[in-house]
């Protein structure tokens, strides 16, 4: 048991380092963008949320694992459960919002329903909802009872409903038709079809990461499979993988990152 506990602590420690660096770079890149489009604001919010998870929530998890899930501090116990049931679901809520934004942008590009102002309002409402979830849950825990810190199933359940499309496409900016390929003019419908195909591939990768990260933890939480601490806490990989999936797979992100490095 002690051996597994040490492995979990080392694994989470590695996730903290990688997650803080990856999400920190994502925050630096997207915060420097001059044009704050709705999907850019969503991605930046997601990066900040994942950064907080990697820099605050995971270290707290390491502390409680090291102390055998017990603490004499009622505040610390409640604070941890507040973060787990607010910060982590909030990340999933943002990804659902990105799904809607990408759907509107690709399938209904001329409606212009999403603006930077409306995006900020949506983020505030989602943050308020996540804050309410965290507050209600943390009040059920304290030092007067065994502060069992296994993740509640409502945290993992929230993540399976999320799917998102956050990669920049040419649906708003538009590109000049390629007249050199069979002298055929690319119509808006053709471009949208191609954009939808790219987004579908990215969505497959996103959902695959969700399933791999959260399904084992959820099955253990409902006691459907045998508990393994290493596999259970591996769901934090989701917060670490987000910069790779949503940022580093974006060509414009690499260009902006290279521009920052050259400037330094």
C-alpha atoms as a PDB file:
ATOM      1  CA  UNK A   1       0.000   0.000   0.000  1.00  0.00           C
ATOM      2  CA  UNK A   2       2.834   2.364   0.907  1.00  0.00           C
ATOM      3  CA  UNK A   3       4.485   1.539  -2.399  1.00  0.00           C
ATOM      4  CA  UNK A   4       1.336   2.436  -4.342  1.00  0.00           C
ATOM      5  CA  UNK A   5       0.959   5.600  -2.281  1.00  0.00           C
ATOM      6  CA  UNK A   6       4.489   6.696  -3.166  1.00  0.00           C
ATOM      7  CA  UNK A   7       3.862   5.981  -6.846  1.00  0.00           C
ATOM      8  CA  UNK A   8       0.700   8.088  -6.776  1.00  0.00           C
ATOM      9  CA  UNK A   9       2.530  10.972  -5.110  1.00  0.00           C
ATOM     10  CA  UNK A  10       5.357  10.865  -7.656  1.00  0.00           C
ATOM     11  CA  UNK A  11       2.873  10.642 -10.537  1.00  0.00           C
ATOM     12  CA  UNK A  12       0.865  13.609  -9.285  1.00  0.00           C
ATOM     13  CA  UNK A  13       4.071  15.556  -8.673  1.00  0.00           C
ATOM     14  CA  UNK A  14       5.071  15.036 -12.297  1.00  0.00           C
ATOM     15  CA  UNK A  15       1.604  16.147 -13.429  1.00  0.00           C
ATOM     16  CA  UNK A  16       1.981  19.322 -11.364  1.00  0.00           C
ATOM     17  CA  UNK A  17       5.257  20.242 -13.089  1.00  0.00           C
ATOM     18  CA  UNK A  18       4.048  19.449 -16.615  1.00  0.00           C
ATOM     19  CA  UNK A  19       0.597  20.955 -16.066  1.00  0.00           C
ATOM     20  CA  UNK A  20       1.850  24.216 -14.577  1.00  0.00           C
ATOM     21  CA  UNK A  21       4.382  24.687 -17.372  1.00  0.00           C
ATOM     22  CA  UNK A  22       1.995  23.696 -20.182  1.00  0.00           C
ATOM     23  CA  UNK A  23      -0.972  25.719 -18.993  1.00  0.00           C
ATOM     24  CA  UNK A  24       1.326  28.609 -18.066  1.00  0.00           C
ATOM     25  CA  UNK A  25       2.606  28.729 -21.648  1.00  0.00           C
ATOM     26  CA  UNK A  26      -0.964  28.548 -22.979  1.00  0.00           C
ATOM     27  CA  UNK A  27      -2.019  31.455 -20.746  1.00  0.00           C
ATOM     28  CA  UNK A  28       0.979  33.496 -21.891  1.00  0.00           C
ATOM     29  CA  UNK A  29       0.249  32.893 -25.578  1.00  0.00           C
ATOM     30  CA  UNK A  30      -3.515  33.433 -25.596  1.00  0.00           C
ATOM     31  CA  UNK A  31      -3.427  36.431 -23.256  1.00  0.00           C
ATOM     32  CA  UNK A  32      -1.117  38.229 -25.705  1.00  0.00           C
ATOM     33  CA  UNK A  33      -3.510  37.853 -28.633  1.00  0.00           C
ATOM     34  CA  UNK A  34      -4.677  41.263 -29.742  1.00  0.00           C
ATOM     35  CA  UNK A  35      -7.961  40.012 -31.165  1.00  0.00           C
ATOM     36  CA  UNK A  36      -9.968  38.461 -28.332  1.00  0.00           C
ATOM     37  CA  UNK A  37     -12.464  36.257 -30.201  1.00  0.00           C
ATOM     38  CA  UNK A  38     -15.013  34.199 -28.218  1.00  0.00           C
ATOM     39  CA  UNK A  39     -13.125  30.925 -28.637  1.00  0.00           C
ATOM     40  CA  UNK A  40      -9.882  32.639 -27.597  1.00  0.00           C
ATOM     41  CA  UNK A  41     -11.515  33.841 -24.371  1.00  0.00           C
ATOM     42  CA  UNK A  42     -12.872  30.357 -23.695  1.00  0.00           C
ATOM     43  CA  UNK A  43      -9.479  28.732 -24.280  1.00  0.00           C
ATOM     44  CA  UNK A  44      -7.786  31.281 -22.036  1.00  0.00           C
ATOM     45  CA  UNK A  45     -10.352  30.623 -19.292  1.00  0.00           C
ATOM     46  CA  UNK A  46      -9.847  26.888 -19.676  1.00  0.00           C
ATOM     47  CA  UNK A  47      -6.066  27.278 -19.431  1.00  0.00           C
ATOM     48  CA  UNK A  48      -6.402  29.375 -16.258  1.00  0.00           C
ATOM     49  CA  UNK A  49      -8.757  26.783 -14.723  1.00  0.00           C
ATOM     50  CA  UNK A  50      -6.407  23.921 -15.553  1.00  0.00           C
ATOM     51  CA  UNK A  51      -3.467  25.955 -14.240  1.00  0.00           C
ATOM     52  CA  UNK A  52      -5.254  26.376 -10.893  1.00  0.00           C
ATOM     53  CA  UNK A  53      -6.043  22.663 -10.827  1.00  0.00           C
ATOM     54  CA  UNK A  54      -2.405  21.751 -11.429  1.00  0.00           C
ATOM     55  CA  UNK A  55      -0.968  24.352  -9.068  1.00  0.00           C
ATOM     56  CA  UNK A  56      -3.485  24.128  -6.195  1.00  0.00           C
ATOM     57  CA  UNK A  57      -5.813  21.115  -6.358  1.00  0.00           C
ATOM     58  CA  UNK A  58      -3.258  18.430  -7.272  1.00  0.00           C
ATOM     59  CA  UNK A  59      -0.742  19.570  -4.590  1.00  0.00           C
ATOM     60  CA  UNK A  60      -3.557  19.436  -2.042  1.00  0.00           C
ATOM     61  CA  UNK A  61      -4.391  15.920  -3.229  1.00  0.00           C
ATOM     62  CA  UNK A  62      -0.743  14.942  -2.738  1.00  0.00           C
ATOM     63  CA  UNK A  63      -0.865  16.331   0.807  1.00  0.00           C
ATOM     64  CA  UNK A  64      -3.962  14.364   1.738  1.00  0.00           C
ATOM     65  CA  UNK A  65      -2.682  11.162   0.147  1.00  0.00           C
ATOM     66  CA  UNK A  66       0.556  11.515   2.102  1.00  0.00           C
ATOM     67  CA  UNK A  67      -1.417  12.028   5.340  1.00  0.00           C
ATOM     68  CA  UNK A  68      -3.596   8.969   4.636  1.00  0.00           C
ATOM     69  CA  UNK A  69      -6.642  11.099   3.786  1.00  0.00           C
ATOM     70  CA  UNK A  70      -6.909  12.619   7.256  1.00  0.00           C
ATOM     71  CA  UNK A  71      -6.543  16.161   8.523  1.00  0.00           C
ATOM     72  CA  UNK A  72      -7.185  18.079  11.717  1.00  0.00           C
ATOM     73  CA  UNK A  73      -8.046  21.235   9.801  1.00  0.00           C
ATOM     74  CA  UNK A  74     -11.758  21.536   9.100  1.00  0.00           C
ATOM     75  CA  UNK A  75     -11.101  24.471   6.768  1.00  0.00           C
ATOM     76  CA  UNK A  76      -8.537  22.554   4.711  1.00  0.00           C
ATOM     77  CA  UNK A  77     -10.873  19.587   4.369  1.00  0.00           C
ATOM     78  CA  UNK A  78     -13.741  21.758   3.172  1.00  0.00           C
ATOM     79  CA  UNK A  79     -11.456  23.783   0.896  1.00  0.00           C
ATOM     80  CA  UNK A  80     -10.198  20.678  -0.891  1.00  0.00           C
ATOM     81  CA  UNK A  81     -13.697  19.369  -1.543  1.00  0.00           C
ATOM     82  CA  UNK A  82     -14.740  22.835  -2.697  1.00  0.00           C
ATOM     83  CA  UNK A  83     -11.976  22.892  -5.318  1.00  0.00           C
ATOM     84  CA  UNK A  84     -12.653  19.332  -6.458  1.00  0.00           C
ATOM     85  CA  UNK A  85     -16.370  19.967  -6.963  1.00  0.00           C
ATOM     86  CA  UNK A  86     -16.078  23.481  -8.406  1.00  0.00           C
ATOM     87  CA  UNK A  87     -12.777  23.982 -10.214  1.00  0.00           C
ATOM     88  CA  UNK A  88     -12.727  20.596 -11.946  1.00  0.00           C
ATOM     89  CA  UNK A  89     -16.382  20.685 -13.160  1.00  0.00           C
ATOM     90  CA  UNK A  90     -15.950  24.323 -14.195  1.00  0.00           C
ATOM     91  CA  UNK A  91     -13.281  23.177 -16.645  1.00  0.00           C
ATOM     92  CA  UNK A  92     -15.798  20.733 -18.141  1.00  0.00           C
ATOM     93  CA  UNK A  93     -18.501  23.433 -18.284  1.00  0.00           C
ATOM     94  CA  UNK A  94     -16.169  25.684 -20.258  1.00  0.00           C
ATOM     95  CA  UNK A  95     -15.553  22.905 -22.738  1.00  0.00           C
ATOM     96  CA  UNK A  96     -19.295  22.460 -23.236  1.00  0.00           C
ATOM     97  CA  UNK A  97     -19.570  26.200 -23.877  1.00  0.00           C
ATOM     98  CA  UNK A  98     -16.768  25.939 -26.423  1.00  0.00           C
ATOM     99  CA  UNK A  99     -18.729  23.170 -28.155  1.00  0.00           C
ATOM    100  CA  UNK A 100     -21.711  25.457 -28.549  1.00  0.00           C
ATOM    101  CA  UNK A 101     -19.542  28.357 -29.698  1.00  0.00           C
ATOM    102  CA  UNK A 102     -17.782  26.227 -32.311  1.00  0.00           C
ATOM    103  CA  UNK A 103     -21.116  24.825 -33.545  1.00  0.00           C
ATOM    104  CA  UNK A 104     -22.562  28.311 -33.988  1.00  0.00           C
ATOM    105  CA  UNK A 105     -19.380  29.599 -35.606  1.00  0.00           C
ATOM    106  CA  UNK A 106     -19.084  26.730 -38.110  1.00  0.00           C
ATOM    107  CA  UNK A 107     -22.708  25.833 -38.852  1.00  0.00           C
ATOM    108  CA  UNK A 108     -24.209  29.328 -38.544  1.00  0.00           C
ATOM    109  CA  UNK A 109     -21.332  31.709 -39.334  1.00  0.00           C
ATOM    110  CA  UNK A 110     -23.580  34.641 -40.280  1.00  0.00           C
ATOM    111  CA  UNK A 111     -25.647  34.773 -37.085  1.00  0.00           C
ATOM    112  CA  UNK A 112     -22.905  36.408 -34.991  1.00  0.00           C
ATOM    113  CA  UNK A 113     -24.544  35.299 -31.754  1.00  0.00           C
ATOM    114  CA  UNK A 114     -21.310  34.982 -29.820  1.00  0.00           C
ATOM    115  CA  UNK A 115     -19.499  38.211 -28.965  1.00  0.00           C
ATOM    116  CA  UNK A 116     -16.701  38.863 -26.450  1.00  0.00           C
ATOM    117  CA  UNK A 117     -19.240  40.464 -24.093  1.00  0.00           C
ATOM    118  CA  UNK A 118     -21.692  37.559 -24.265  1.00  0.00           C
ATOM    119  CA  UNK A 119     -18.776  35.156 -23.819  1.00  0.00           C
ATOM    120  CA  UNK A 120     -17.756  36.828 -20.567  1.00  0.00           C
ATOM    121  CA  UNK A 121     -21.361  36.684 -19.338  1.00  0.00           C
ATOM    122  CA  UNK A 122     -21.545  32.953 -20.082  1.00  0.00           C
ATOM    123  CA  UNK A 123     -18.263  32.363 -18.245  1.00  0.00           C
ATOM    124  CA  UNK A 124     -19.548  34.276 -15.219  1.00  0.00           C
ATOM    125  CA  UNK A 125     -22.784  32.236 -15.107  1.00  0.00           C
ATOM    126  CA  UNK A 126     -20.858  28.957 -15.385  1.00  0.00           C
ATOM    127  CA  UNK A 127     -18.450  30.101 -12.675  1.00  0.00           C
ATOM    128  CA  UNK A 128     -21.360  30.960 -10.389  1.00  0.00           C
ATOM    129  CA  UNK A 129     -22.929  27.531 -10.994  1.00  0.00           C
ATOM    130  CA  UNK A 130     -19.625  25.748 -10.310  1.00  0.00           C
ATOM    131  CA  UNK A 131     -19.123  27.848  -7.166  1.00  0.00           C
ATOM    132  CA  UNK A 132     -22.576  26.794  -5.947  1.00  0.00           C
ATOM    133  CA  UNK A 133     -21.788  23.112  -6.541  1.00  0.00           C
ATOM    134  CA  UNK A 134     -18.534  23.422  -4.631  1.00  0.00           C
ATOM    135  CA  UNK A 135     -20.121  25.273  -1.723  1.00  0.00           C
ATOM    136  CA  UNK A 136     -22.944  22.757  -1.275  1.00  0.00           C
ATOM    137  CA  UNK A 137     -20.567  19.798  -1.421  1.00  0.00           C
ATOM    138  CA  UNK A 138     -17.861  21.148   0.880  1.00  0.00           C
ATOM    139  CA  UNK A 139     -20.401  21.808   3.631  1.00  0.00           C
ATOM    140  CA  UNK A 140     -21.006  18.048   3.847  1.00  0.00           C
ATOM    141  CA  UNK A 141     -17.386  17.408   4.871  1.00  0.00           C
ATOM    142  CA  UNK A 142     -15.399  18.308   7.946  1.00  0.00           C
ATOM    143  CA  UNK A 143     -13.129  17.037  10.697  1.00  0.00           C
ATOM    144  CA  UNK A 144     -16.128  15.815  12.685  1.00  0.00           C
ATOM    145  CA  UNK A 145     -16.236  12.902  10.273  1.00  0.00           C
ATOM    146  CA  UNK A 146     -13.694  10.848   8.371  1.00  0.00           C
ATOM    147  CA  UNK A 147     -12.468  13.183   5.674  1.00  0.00           C
ATOM    148  CA  UNK A 148     -12.486  10.581   2.919  1.00  0.00           C
ATOM    149  CA  UNK A 149     -11.104  12.355  -0.103  1.00  0.00           C
ATOM    150  CA  UNK A 150     -12.082   9.991  -2.866  1.00  0.00           C
ATOM    151  CA  UNK A 151     -13.515  12.004  -5.705  1.00  0.00           C
ATOM    152  CA  UNK A 152     -17.300  12.169  -5.752  1.00  0.00           C
ATOM    153  CA  UNK A 153     -19.008  10.664  -8.765  1.00  0.00           C
ATOM    154  CA  UNK A 154     -20.690  13.959  -9.633  1.00  0.00           C
ATOM    155  CA  UNK A 155     -17.266  15.347 -10.564  1.00  0.00           C
ATOM    156  CA  UNK A 156     -16.529  12.614 -13.052  1.00  0.00           C
ATOM    157  CA  UNK A 157     -20.100  12.485 -14.343  1.00  0.00           C
ATOM    158  CA  UNK A 158     -19.960  16.152 -15.291  1.00  0.00           C
ATOM    159  CA  UNK A 159     -17.042  15.624 -17.596  1.00  0.00           C
ATOM    160  CA  UNK A 160     -18.590  12.991 -19.845  1.00  0.00           C
ATOM    161  CA  UNK A 161     -21.160  15.424 -21.188  1.00  0.00           C
ATOM    162  CA  UNK A 162     -18.516  17.737 -22.538  1.00  0.00           C
ATOM    163  CA  UNK A 163     -17.255  17.961 -26.068  1.00  0.00           C
ATOM    164  CA  UNK A 164     -15.604  20.932 -27.613  1.00  0.00           C
ATOM    165  CA  UNK A 165     -14.376  22.560 -30.722  1.00  0.00           C
ATOM    166  CA  UNK A 166     -11.832  25.199 -29.935  1.00  0.00           C
ATOM    167  CA  UNK A 167      -9.501  25.221 -32.859  1.00  0.00           C
ATOM    168  CA  UNK A 168      -9.237  28.176 -35.103  1.00  0.00           C
ATOM    169  CA  UNK A 169     -10.686  27.682 -38.538  1.00  0.00           C
ATOM    170  CA  UNK A 170     -11.197  29.861 -41.550  1.00  0.00           C
ATOM    171  CA  UNK A 171     -14.938  30.085 -41.060  1.00  0.00           C
ATOM    172  CA  UNK A 172     -14.818  33.720 -39.863  1.00  0.00           C
ATOM    173  CA  UNK A 173     -11.673  35.100 -41.328  1.00  0.00           C
ATOM    174  CA  UNK A 174     -12.145  33.586 -44.756  1.00  0.00           C
ATOM    175  CA  UNK A 175      -9.458  32.714 -47.295  1.00  0.00           C
ATOM    176  CA  UNK A 176      -8.967  33.522 -50.907  1.00  0.00           C
ATOM    177  CA  UNK A 177     -10.219  30.834 -53.271  1.00  0.00           C
ATOM    178  CA  UNK A 178      -7.567  28.547 -54.662  1.00  0.00           C
ATOM    179  CA  UNK A 179      -7.896  29.027 -58.406  1.00  0.00           C
ATOM    180  CA  UNK A 180      -4.921  26.844 -59.241  1.00  0.00           C
ATOM    181  CA  UNK A 181      -6.567  23.543 -58.356  1.00  0.00           C
ATOM    182  CA  UNK A 182      -8.656  22.460 -61.345  1.00  0.00           C
ATOM    183  CA  UNK A 183      -9.713  26.127 -61.690  1.00  0.00           C
ATOM    184  CA  UNK A 184     -12.509  25.402 -59.239  1.00  0.00           C
ATOM    185  CA  UNK A 185     -13.767  28.021 -56.868  1.00  0.00           C
ATOM    186  CA  UNK A 186     -14.117  26.822 -53.300  1.00  0.00           C
ATOM    187  CA  UNK A 187     -17.547  27.725 -52.015  1.00  0.00           C
ATOM    188  CA  UNK A 188     -18.486  28.541 -48.439  1.00  0.00           C
ATOM    189  CA  UNK A 189     -20.234  25.192 -48.183  1.00  0.00           C
ATOM    190  CA  UNK A 190     -17.072  23.358 -49.188  1.00  0.00           C
ATOM    191  CA  UNK A 191     -15.030  25.229 -46.601  1.00  0.00           C
ATOM    192  CA  UNK A 192     -17.561  24.528 -43.859  1.00  0.00           C
ATOM    193  CA  UNK A 193     -17.560  20.846 -44.770  1.00  0.00           C
ATOM    194  CA  UNK A 194     -13.792  20.702 -44.508  1.00  0.00           C
ATOM    195  CA  UNK A 195     -13.845  22.630 -41.229  1.00  0.00           C
ATOM    196  CA  UNK A 196     -16.428  20.248 -39.816  1.00  0.00           C
ATOM    197  CA  UNK A 197     -14.244  17.301 -40.787  1.00  0.00           C
ATOM    198  CA  UNK A 198     -11.227  18.771 -38.981  1.00  0.00           C
ATOM    199  CA  UNK A 199     -13.309  19.556 -35.929  1.00  0.00           C
ATOM    200  CA  UNK A 200     -14.736  16.025 -35.934  1.00  0.00           C
ATOM    201  CA  UNK A 201     -11.214  14.580 -35.842  1.00  0.00           C
ATOM    202  CA  UNK A 202     -10.238  16.896 -32.994  1.00  0.00           C
ATOM    203  CA  UNK A 203     -13.464  16.058 -31.163  1.00  0.00           C
ATOM    204  CA  UNK A 204     -12.641  12.364 -31.431  1.00  0.00           C
ATOM    205  CA  UNK A 205      -9.258  13.005 -29.787  1.00  0.00           C
ATOM    206  CA  UNK A 206     -10.879  15.102 -27.058  1.00  0.00           C
ATOM    207  CA  UNK A 207     -13.520  12.512 -26.226  1.00  0.00           C
ATOM    208  CA  UNK A 208     -10.938   9.745 -26.272  1.00  0.00           C
ATOM    209  CA  UNK A 209      -8.896  11.605 -23.654  1.00  0.00           C
ATOM    210  CA  UNK A 210     -12.030  12.188 -21.562  1.00  0.00           C
ATOM    211  CA  UNK A 211     -12.944   8.510 -21.635  1.00  0.00           C
ATOM    212  CA  UNK A 212      -9.425   7.305 -20.878  1.00  0.00           C
ATOM    213  CA  UNK A 213      -9.005   9.787 -18.019  1.00  0.00           C
ATOM    214  CA  UNK A 214     -12.369   9.708 -16.277  1.00  0.00           C
ATOM    215  CA  UNK A 215     -14.064   6.396 -17.032  1.00  0.00           C
ATOM    216  CA  UNK A 216     -11.787   4.240 -14.838  1.00  0.00           C
ATOM    217  CA  UNK A 217     -12.123   6.700 -11.931  1.00  0.00           C
ATOM    218  CA  UNK A 218     -15.897   6.790 -12.288  1.00  0.00           C
ATOM    219  CA  UNK A 219     -16.150   3.003 -12.394  1.00  0.00           C
ATOM    220  CA  UNK A 220     -14.041   2.789  -9.229  1.00  0.00           C
ATOM    221  CA  UNK A 221     -16.155   5.458  -7.538  1.00  0.00           C
ATOM    222  CA  UNK A 222     -19.313   3.402  -8.104  1.00  0.00           C
ATOM    223  CA  UNK A 223     -17.396   0.231  -7.136  1.00  0.00           C
ATOM    224  CA  UNK A 224     -17.900  -1.363 -10.542  1.00  0.00           C
ATOM    225  CA  UNK A 225     -14.219  -2.322 -10.786  1.00  0.00           C
ATOM    226  CA  UNK A 226     -11.450  -2.932  -8.284  1.00  0.00           C
ATOM    227  CA  UNK A 227      -9.915   0.215  -6.831  1.00  0.00           C
ATOM    228  CA  UNK A 228      -6.398   1.205  -7.854  1.00  0.00           C
ATOM    229  CA  UNK A 229      -5.043   4.476  -6.493  1.00  0.00           C
ATOM    230  CA  UNK A 230      -2.674   5.016  -9.403  1.00  0.00           C
ATOM    231  CA  UNK A 231      -5.368   4.589 -12.051  1.00  0.00           C
ATOM    232  CA  UNK A 232      -7.941   6.487  -9.999  1.00  0.00           C
ATOM    233  CA  UNK A 233      -5.894   9.668  -9.630  1.00  0.00           C
ATOM    234  CA  UNK A 234      -4.732   9.481 -13.244  1.00  0.00           C
ATOM    235  CA  UNK A 235      -7.863  11.455 -14.155  1.00  0.00           C
ATOM    236  CA  UNK A 236      -5.805  14.570 -13.394  1.00  0.00           C
ATOM    237  CA  UNK A 237      -4.014  13.834 -16.682  1.00  0.00           C
ATOM    238  CA  UNK A 238      -6.994  15.492 -18.327  1.00  0.00           C
ATOM    239  CA  UNK A 239      -5.985  18.912 -16.985  1.00  0.00           C
ATOM    240  CA  UNK A 240      -2.402  18.358 -18.055  1.00  0.00           C
ATOM    241  CA  UNK A 241      -3.321  17.147 -21.553  1.00  0.00           C
ATOM    242  CA  UNK A 242      -5.495  20.155 -22.357  1.00  0.00           C
ATOM    243  CA  UNK A 243      -2.590  22.400 -23.463  1.00  0.00           C
ATOM    244  CA  UNK A 244      -1.400  19.644 -25.788  1.00  0.00           C
ATOM    245  CA  UNK A 245      -4.828  18.997 -27.306  1.00  0.00           C
ATOM    246  CA  UNK A 246      -6.331  22.485 -27.411  1.00  0.00           C
ATOM    247  CA  UNK A 247      -3.257  24.608 -27.916  1.00  0.00           C
ATOM    248  CA  UNK A 248      -0.210  22.780 -29.180  1.00  0.00           C
ATOM    249  CA  UNK A 249      -2.245  21.096 -31.937  1.00  0.00           C
ATOM    250  CA  UNK A 250      -3.245  24.545 -33.139  1.00  0.00           C
ATOM    251  CA  UNK A 251      -0.782  25.832 -35.806  1.00  0.00           C
ATOM    252  CA  UNK A 252      -1.409  29.474 -34.916  1.00  0.00           C
ATOM    253  CA  UNK A 253      -0.494  28.689 -31.306  1.00  0.00           C
ATOM    254  CA  UNK A 254       2.895  27.384 -32.370  1.00  0.00           C
ATOM    255  CA  UNK A 255       3.460  30.495 -34.465  1.00  0.00           C
ATOM    256  CA  UNK A 256       2.550  32.794 -31.566  1.00  0.00           C
ATOM    257  CA  UNK A 257       4.749  30.793 -29.192  1.00  0.00           C
ATOM    258  CA  UNK A 258       7.684  31.005 -31.565  1.00  0.00           C
ATOM    259  CA  UNK A 259       7.146  34.768 -31.904  1.00  0.00           C
ATOM    260  CA  UNK A 260       7.281  35.113 -28.100  1.00  0.00           C
ATOM    261  CA  UNK A 261      10.458  33.035 -27.875  1.00  0.00           C
ATOM    262  CA  UNK A 262      12.104  35.077 -30.610  1.00  0.00           C
ATOM    263  CA  UNK A 263      11.117  38.297 -28.835  1.00  0.00           C
ATOM    264  CA  UNK A 264      12.734  37.073 -25.620  1.00  0.00           C
END
